[in-house]
C-alpha atoms as a PDB file:
ATOM      1  CA  ILE A   1       3.321  37.775  53.565  1.00  0.00           C
ATOM      2  CA  HIS A   2      -0.167  36.776  54.689  1.00  0.00           C
ATOM      3  CA  GLY A   3      -0.851  33.060  54.627  1.00  0.00           C
ATOM      4  CA  TYR A   4       2.754  32.174  53.839  1.00  0.00           C
ATOM      5  CA  GLN A   5       2.957  29.667  56.687  1.00  0.00           C
ATOM      6  CA  SER A   6      -0.335  28.075  55.689  1.00  0.00           C
ATOM      7  CA  ALA A   7       0.729  27.878  52.056  1.00  0.00           C
ATOM      8  CA  LYS A   8       4.037  26.289  53.023  1.00  0.00           C
ATOM      9  CA  LYS A   9       2.291  23.771  55.259  1.00  0.00           C
ATOM     10  CA  LEU A  10      -0.209  22.948  52.537  1.00  0.00           C
ATOM     11  CA  PHE A  11       2.640  22.588  50.045  1.00  0.00           C
ATOM     12  CA  GLU A  12       4.500  20.208  52.350  1.00  0.00           C
ATOM     13  CA  LEU A  13       1.317  18.207  52.938  1.00  0.00           C
ATOM     14  CA  THR A  14       0.769  18.063  49.192  1.00  0.00           C
ATOM     15  CA  GLN A  15       4.331  16.838  48.684  1.00  0.00           C
ATOM     16  CA  THR A  16       3.662  14.097  51.248  1.00  0.00           C
ATOM     17  CA  ALA A  17       2.562  11.313  48.922  1.00  0.00           C
END
């Protein structure tokens, strides 16, 4: 899937609160 790694990284960053 294209951009899966980026999406996962963004998700993890978003979960970092």
